[in-house]
C-alpha atoms as a PDB file:
ATOM      1  CA  MET A   1       2.600   9.708  -6.955  1.00  0.00           C
ATOM      2  CA  VAL A   2      -0.107   7.928  -8.929  1.00  0.00           C
ATOM      3  CA  TRP A   3       0.866   5.023 -11.160  1.00  0.00           C
ATOM      4  CA  ASP A   4      -0.574   6.352 -14.390  1.00  0.00           C
ATOM      5  CA  GLY A   5      -0.234   3.190 -16.455  1.00  0.00           C
ATOM      6  CA  VAL A   6       3.082   4.429 -17.801  1.00  0.00           C
ATOM      7  CA  GLY A   7       4.781   3.511 -14.557  1.00  0.00           C
ATOM      8  CA  ALA A   8       6.007   5.859 -11.910  1.00  0.00           C
ATOM      9  CA  ASP A   9       9.188   6.202  -9.942  1.00  0.00           C
ATOM     10  CA  VAL A  10       8.410   7.729  -6.586  1.00  0.00           C
ATOM     11  CA  GLU A  11      11.274   8.296  -4.159  1.00  0.00           C
ATOM     12  CA  GLY A  12      12.924   4.973  -4.964  1.00  0.00           C
ATOM     13  CA  HIS A  13       9.709   3.039  -5.550  1.00  0.00           C
ATOM     14  CA  ARG A  14       9.003   1.456  -8.921  1.00  0.00           C
ATOM     15  CA  GLY A  15       5.803  -0.523  -9.417  1.00  0.00           C
ATOM     16  CA  SER A  16       5.163  -3.675 -11.395  1.00  0.00           C
ATOM     17  CA  ALA A  17       3.066  -6.810 -11.098  1.00  0.00           C
ATOM     18  CA  GLU A  18       3.596 -10.515 -11.418  1.00  0.00           C
ATOM     19  CA  GLY A  19       0.691 -12.397 -12.937  1.00  0.00           C
ATOM     20  CA  ARG A  20      -0.325 -15.945 -13.517  1.00  0.00           C
ATOM     21  CA  LEU A  21      -2.593 -17.330 -16.223  1.00  0.00           C
ATOM     22  CA  VAL A  22      -4.980 -20.191 -15.512  1.00  0.00           C
ATOM     23  CA  ASP A  23      -2.710 -22.586 -17.438  1.00  0.00           C
ATOM     24  CA  GLY A  24       0.189 -21.705 -15.117  1.00  0.00           C
ATOM     25  CA  ALA A  25       2.077 -19.348 -17.434  1.00  0.00           C
ATOM     26  CA  GLY A  26       3.580 -16.414 -15.573  1.00  0.00           C
ATOM     27  CA  PHE A  27       4.070 -12.857 -16.730  1.00  0.00           C
ATOM     28  CA  THR A  28       5.442  -9.541 -15.499  1.00  0.00           C
ATOM     29  CA  TYR A  29       3.447  -6.394 -16.107  1.00  0.00           C
ATOM     30  CA  ARG A  30       5.003  -2.938 -15.967  1.00  0.00           C
ATOM     31  CA  ALA A  31       4.076   0.326 -17.606  1.00  0.00           C
ATOM     32  CA  GLY A  32       1.447  -1.387 -19.733  1.00  0.00           C
ATOM     33  CA  GLN A  33       3.959  -3.883 -21.123  1.00  0.00           C
ATOM     34  CA  PHE A  34       4.098  -7.648 -20.671  1.00  0.00           C
ATOM     35  CA  ALA A  35       7.066  -9.938 -20.373  1.00  0.00           C
ATOM     36  CA  PHE A  36       6.245 -13.628 -20.179  1.00  0.00           C
ATOM     37  CA  LEU A  37       8.381 -15.517 -17.722  1.00  0.00           C
ATOM     38  CA  ALA A  38      10.731 -17.967 -19.392  1.00  0.00           C
ATOM     39  CA  GLU A  39       9.669 -21.455 -18.401  1.00  0.00           C
ATOM     40  CA  PRO A  40      10.974 -24.653 -20.002  1.00  0.00           C
ATOM     41  CA  GLY A  41       8.498 -26.123 -22.482  1.00  0.00           C
ATOM     42  CA  ARG A  42       6.295 -23.000 -22.619  1.00  0.00           C
ATOM     43  CA  PRO A  43       5.767 -21.063 -25.826  1.00  0.00           C
ATOM     44  CA  GLY A  44       6.560 -17.377 -25.991  1.00  0.00           C
ATOM     45  CA  PRO A  45       3.908 -14.627 -25.954  1.00  0.00           C
ATOM     46  CA  GLY A  46       2.676 -15.412 -29.446  1.00  0.00           C
ATOM     47  CA  GLY A  47       1.927 -18.968 -28.362  1.00  0.00           C
ATOM     48  CA  VAL A  48      -0.368 -18.064 -25.458  1.00  0.00           C
ATOM     49  CA  GLU A  49      -3.497 -20.138 -25.882  1.00  0.00           C
ATOM     50  CA  GLU A  50      -5.271 -19.904 -22.512  1.00  0.00           C
ATOM     51  CA  ARG A  51      -5.529 -16.173 -21.835  1.00  0.00           C
ATOM     52  CA  ARG A  52      -7.657 -16.227 -18.666  1.00  0.00           C
ATOM     53  CA  ILE A  53      -5.849 -14.562 -15.778  1.00  0.00           C
ATOM     54  CA  LEU A  54      -5.752 -16.271 -12.422  1.00  0.00           C
ATOM     55  CA  HIS A  55      -4.343 -13.278 -10.558  1.00  0.00           C
ATOM     56  CA  VAL A  56      -1.955 -10.347 -10.627  1.00  0.00           C
ATOM     57  CA  GLN A  57       0.191  -9.377  -7.639  1.00  0.00           C
ATOM     58  CA  PRO A  58       1.449  -5.804  -7.307  1.00  0.00           C
ATOM     59  CA  GLU A  59       5.108  -5.357  -6.373  1.00  0.00           C
ATOM     60  CA  CYS A  60       7.545  -2.553  -5.750  1.00  0.00           C
ATOM     61  CA  SER A  61      11.278  -2.256  -6.217  1.00  0.00           C
ATOM     62  CA  CYS A  62      11.534  -1.610  -2.436  1.00  0.00           C
ATOM     63  CA  GLY A  63      10.490  -5.221  -1.773  1.00  0.00           C
ATOM     64  CA  TRP A  64       6.827  -4.607  -0.979  1.00  0.00           C
ATOM     65  CA  GLN A  65       4.334  -7.091  -2.383  1.00  0.00           C
ATOM     66  CA  GLY A  66       0.613  -6.546  -2.291  1.00  0.00           C
ATOM     67  CA  ASP A  67      -1.924  -9.304  -1.986  1.00  0.00           C
ATOM     68  CA  PRO A  68      -2.683 -11.255  -5.167  1.00  0.00           C
ATOM     69  CA  ILE A  69      -5.637  -9.675  -6.966  1.00  0.00           C
ATOM     70  CA  PRO A  70      -8.036 -12.039  -8.717  1.00  0.00           C
ATOM     71  CA  CYS A  71      -8.416 -10.524 -12.154  1.00  0.00           C
ATOM     72  CA  GLY A  72     -11.403 -12.428 -13.496  1.00  0.00           C
ATOM     73  CA  GLY A  73     -10.662 -11.450 -17.073  1.00  0.00           C
ATOM     74  CA  GLN A  74      -8.293 -12.444 -19.779  1.00  0.00           C
ATOM     75  CA  LEU A  75      -5.365 -10.971 -21.618  1.00  0.00           C
ATOM     76  CA  VAL A  76      -6.569  -8.942 -24.558  1.00  0.00           C
ATOM     77  CA  PRO A  77      -4.554  -9.004 -27.798  1.00  0.00           C
ATOM     78  CA  ALA A  78      -3.155  -5.536 -28.463  1.00  0.00           C
ATOM     79  CA  GLY A  79      -1.192  -5.996 -31.667  1.00  0.00           C
ATOM     80  CA  ASP A  80       1.633  -8.236 -32.830  1.00  0.00           C
ATOM     81  CA  ASP A  81       2.591 -10.326 -29.819  1.00  0.00           C
ATOM     82  CA  ASP A  82       1.369  -7.524 -27.528  1.00  0.00           C
ATOM     83  CA  TRP A  83      -1.178  -7.997 -24.785  1.00  0.00           C
ATOM     84  CA  ALA A  84      -3.221  -5.811 -22.453  1.00  0.00           C
ATOM     85  CA  LEU A  85      -4.730  -6.404 -19.031  1.00  0.00           C
ATOM     86  CA  PRO A  86      -8.472  -5.935 -18.734  1.00  0.00           C
ATOM     87  CA  GLU A  87      -9.324  -2.527 -17.289  1.00  0.00           C
ATOM     88  CA  GLU A  88     -10.501  -3.967 -13.949  1.00  0.00           C
ATOM     89  CA  GLY A  89      -7.051  -5.537 -13.492  1.00  0.00           C
ATOM     90  CA  VAL A  90      -5.298  -2.267 -14.286  1.00  0.00           C
ATOM     91  CA  THR A  91      -7.614  -0.382 -11.903  1.00  0.00           C
ATOM     92  CA  ALA A  92      -7.002  -2.865  -9.074  1.00  0.00           C
ATOM     93  CA  LEU A  93      -3.222  -2.673  -9.579  1.00  0.00           C
ATOM     94  CA  ARG A  94      -3.325   1.121  -9.670  1.00  0.00           C
ATOM     95  CA  ASP A  95      -5.337   1.211  -6.423  1.00  0.00           C
ATOM     96  CA  ALA A  96      -2.898  -1.146  -4.676  1.00  0.00           C
ATOM     97  CA  TRP A  97       0.098   0.841  -5.940  1.00  0.00           C
ATOM     98  CA  ASP A  98      -1.446   4.151  -4.899  1.00  0.00           C
ATOM     99  CA  GLY A  99      -2.076   2.740  -1.414  1.00  0.00           C
ATOM    100  CA  HIS A 100       1.528   1.563  -1.132  1.00  0.00           C
ATOM    101  CA  VAL A 101       3.083   4.795  -2.386  1.00  0.00           C
ATOM    102  CA  THR A 102       0.789   6.944  -0.252  1.00  0.00           C
ATOM    103  CA  ALA A 103       1.710   4.912   2.822  1.00  0.00           C
ATOM    104  CA  VAL A 104       5.454   5.140   2.275  1.00  0.00           C
ATOM    105  CA  ALA A 105       5.971   8.469   0.543  1.00  0.00           C
ATOM    106  CA  ASP A 106       3.324  10.921   1.749  1.00  0.00           C
ATOM    107  CA  PRO A 107       3.486  12.021   5.409  1.00  0.00           C
ATOM    108  CA  VAL A 108       1.221  15.042   4.809  1.00  0.00           C
ATOM    109  CA  VAL A 109      -1.923  14.949   6.938  1.00  0.00           C
ATOM    110  CA  PRO A 110      -4.983  15.515   4.738  1.00  0.00           C
ATOM    111  CA  PRO A 111      -6.530  18.950   5.422  1.00  0.00           C
ATOM    112  CA  TRP A 112      -9.907  17.620   6.537  1.00  0.00           C
ATOM    113  CA  HIS A 113      -8.193  15.622   9.323  1.00  0.00           C
ATOM    114  CA  THR A 114      -6.417  18.763  10.505  1.00  0.00           C
ATOM    115  CA  ILE A 115      -9.697  20.687  10.530  1.00  0.00           C
ATOM    116  CA  ARG A 116     -11.511  17.902  12.376  1.00  0.00           C
ATOM    117  CA  TRP A 117      -8.735  17.660  14.979  1.00  0.00           C
ATOM    118  CA  GLY A 118      -8.822  21.446  15.456  1.00  0.00           C
ATOM    119  CA  GLU A 119     -12.545  21.251  16.195  1.00  0.00           C
ATOM    120  CA  GLN A 120     -12.045  18.371  18.629  1.00  0.00           C
ATOM    121  CA  ASN A 121      -9.156  20.155  20.301  1.00  0.00           C
ATOM    122  CA  LEU A 122     -11.307  23.261  20.826  1.00  0.00           C
ATOM    123  CA  ALA A 123     -14.085  21.108  22.357  1.00  0.00           C
ATOM    124  CA  LEU A 124     -11.532  19.464  24.670  1.00  0.00           C
ATOM    125  CA  ARG A 125     -10.253  22.875  25.804  1.00  0.00           C
ATOM    126  CA  GLU A 126     -13.813  23.902  26.639  1.00  0.00           C
ATOM    127  CA  LEU A 127     -14.411  20.670  28.565  1.00  0.00           C
ATOM    128  CA  THR A 128     -11.111  21.135  30.426  1.00  0.00           C
ATOM    129  CA  ALA A 129     -12.141  24.627  31.534  1.00  0.00           C
ATOM    130  CA  GLN A 130     -15.706  23.691  32.481  1.00  0.00           C
ATOM    131  CA  GLN A 131     -15.391  20.115  33.773  1.00  0.00           C
ATOM    132  CA  PRO A 132     -11.737  19.310  34.491  1.00  0.00           C
ATOM    133  CA  ARG A 133     -12.420  15.844  35.974  1.00  0.00           C
ATOM    134  CA  ALA A 134     -14.530  14.858  32.973  1.00  0.00           C
ATOM    135  CA  ALA A 135     -11.705  16.124  30.763  1.00  0.00           C
ATOM    136  CA  LEU A 136      -9.233  13.916  32.640  1.00  0.00           C
ATOM    137  CA  ARG A 137     -11.417  10.844  32.071  1.00  0.00           C
ATOM    138  CA  LEU A 138     -11.762  11.700  28.395  1.00  0.00           C
ATOM    139  CA  LEU A 139      -8.017  12.315  28.092  1.00  0.00           C
ATOM    140  CA  ARG A 140      -7.262   8.908  29.626  1.00  0.00           C
ATOM    141  CA  LYS A 141      -9.410   7.328  26.891  1.00  0.00           C
ATOM    142  CA  LEU A 142      -7.897   9.508  24.152  1.00  0.00           C
ATOM    143  CA  LEU A 143      -4.346   8.644  25.214  1.00  0.00           C
ATOM    144  CA  ALA A 144      -5.103   4.908  25.203  1.00  0.00           C
ATOM    145  CA  ASP A 145      -6.745   5.195  21.783  1.00  0.00           C
ATOM    146  CA  ALA A 146      -3.881   7.321  20.459  1.00  0.00           C
ATOM    147  CA  GLU A 147      -1.318   4.723  21.572  1.00  0.00           C
ATOM    148  CA  ALA A 148      -3.297   1.913  19.929  1.00  0.00           C
ATOM    149  CA  HIS A 149      -3.549   3.948  16.715  1.00  0.00           C
ATOM    150  CA  ARG A 150       0.173   4.734  16.831  1.00  0.00           C
ATOM    151  CA  LEU A 151       1.063   1.057  17.111  1.00  0.00           C
ATOM    152  CA  ASP A 152      -1.370   0.094  14.344  1.00  0.00           C
ATOM    153  CA  ALA A 153       0.015   2.840  12.093  1.00  0.00           C
ATOM    154  CA  ILE A 154       3.587   1.619  12.607  1.00  0.00           C
ATOM    155  CA  VAL A 155       2.644  -1.951  11.693  1.00  0.00           C
ATOM    156  CA  SER A 156       0.599  -0.818   8.698  1.00  0.00           C
ATOM    157  CA  ALA A 157       3.353   1.492   7.453  1.00  0.00           C
ATOM    158  CA  ARG A 158       5.941  -1.295   7.701  1.00  0.00           C
ATOM    159  CA  ARG A 159       3.645  -3.700   5.839  1.00  0.00           C
ATOM    160  CA  GLN A 160       3.321  -1.065   3.138  1.00  0.00           C
ATOM    161  CA  GLY A 161       7.114  -0.802   2.872  1.00  0.00           C
ATOM    162  CA  ALA A 162       7.903   2.302   4.937  1.00  0.00           C
ATOM    163  CA  SER A 163      11.520   2.406   6.100  1.00  0.00           C
ATOM    164  CA  TRP A 164      12.588   2.565   9.748  1.00  0.00           C
ATOM    165  CA  ASP A 165      14.262   5.882   8.975  1.00  0.00           C
ATOM    166  CA  SER A 166      11.076   7.478   7.621  1.00  0.00           C
ATOM    167  CA  LEU A 167       9.039   6.203  10.592  1.00  0.00           C
ATOM    168  CA  SER A 168      11.696   7.528  12.927  1.00  0.00           C
ATOM    169  CA  ARG A 169      11.367  10.993  11.370  1.00  0.00           C
ATOM    170  CA  ASP A 170       7.554  10.842  11.435  1.00  0.00           C
ATOM    171  CA  LEU A 171       7.440   9.886  15.118  1.00  0.00           C
ATOM    172  CA  GLY A 172      10.354  12.020  16.295  1.00  0.00           C
ATOM    173  CA  LEU A 173      12.032   8.954  17.815  1.00  0.00           C
ATOM    174  CA  ASP A 174      15.247   7.115  17.097  1.00  0.00           C
ATOM    175  CA  GLU A 175      15.036   3.965  14.971  1.00  0.00           C
ATOM    176  CA  GLY A 176      15.595   1.676  17.964  1.00  0.00           C
ATOM    177  CA  ALA A 177      12.580   3.159  19.768  1.00  0.00           C
ATOM    178  CA  VAL A 178      10.437   2.750  16.644  1.00  0.00           C
ATOM    179  CA  GLN A 179      11.531  -0.882  16.313  1.00  0.00           C
ATOM    180  CA  GLU A 180      10.623  -1.481  19.964  1.00  0.00           C
ATOM    181  CA  LEU A 181       7.167  -0.012  19.344  1.00  0.00           C
ATOM    182  CA  TYR A 182       6.823  -2.243  16.303  1.00  0.00           C
ATOM    183  CA  GLU A 183       7.753  -5.325  18.319  1.00  0.00           C
ATOM    184  CA  ARG A 184       5.242  -4.319  21.002  1.00  0.00           C
ATOM    185  CA  ALA A 185       2.551  -3.897  18.346  1.00  0.00           C
ATOM    186  CA  ALA A 186       3.396  -7.184  16.646  1.00  0.00           C
ATOM    187  CA  SER A 187       3.217  -9.066  19.948  1.00  0.00           C
ATOM    188  CA  ARG A 188      -0.404  -7.936  20.397  1.00  0.00           C
ATOM    189  CA  TRP A 189      -1.412 -10.156  17.515  1.00  0.00           C
END
């Protein structure tokens, strides 16, 4: 699931980045390789004079685009007409890609969350047995928080490129119900 610099295909997701040099020249970056965008009047890769990078923007074949990442470095020559991104640019792209792929392709709850919830659930059972009215007040708060988190998670997952079908499976609802929840969440903003 991690973009290892060679490029990864993860369940229909293929990462790349569009970049822009300070002089306006554009390039595509994928699997450590550059392709300069053909623009009238611009020299090819060998003619790049201003190598400072304005930004790189991670993208995915599913249509997701991350925020532009200021790179702060410059293209580094890596052989005959070959170029390399500075390591901080590669790291930032990898982090953005990992976040996208994790959001859309990995529905497994991390173990430490499961353990923490188990502990909280046990404490709630004890409170329910010992102070049922206090438990009801706490449950009212937990349910409100859970609904807010559910709506936020739907919006975040959609922004990261998750499909309606995958969200439907994750929530155990039909796609129409998930879209209604999304609309409700979006209207809060």
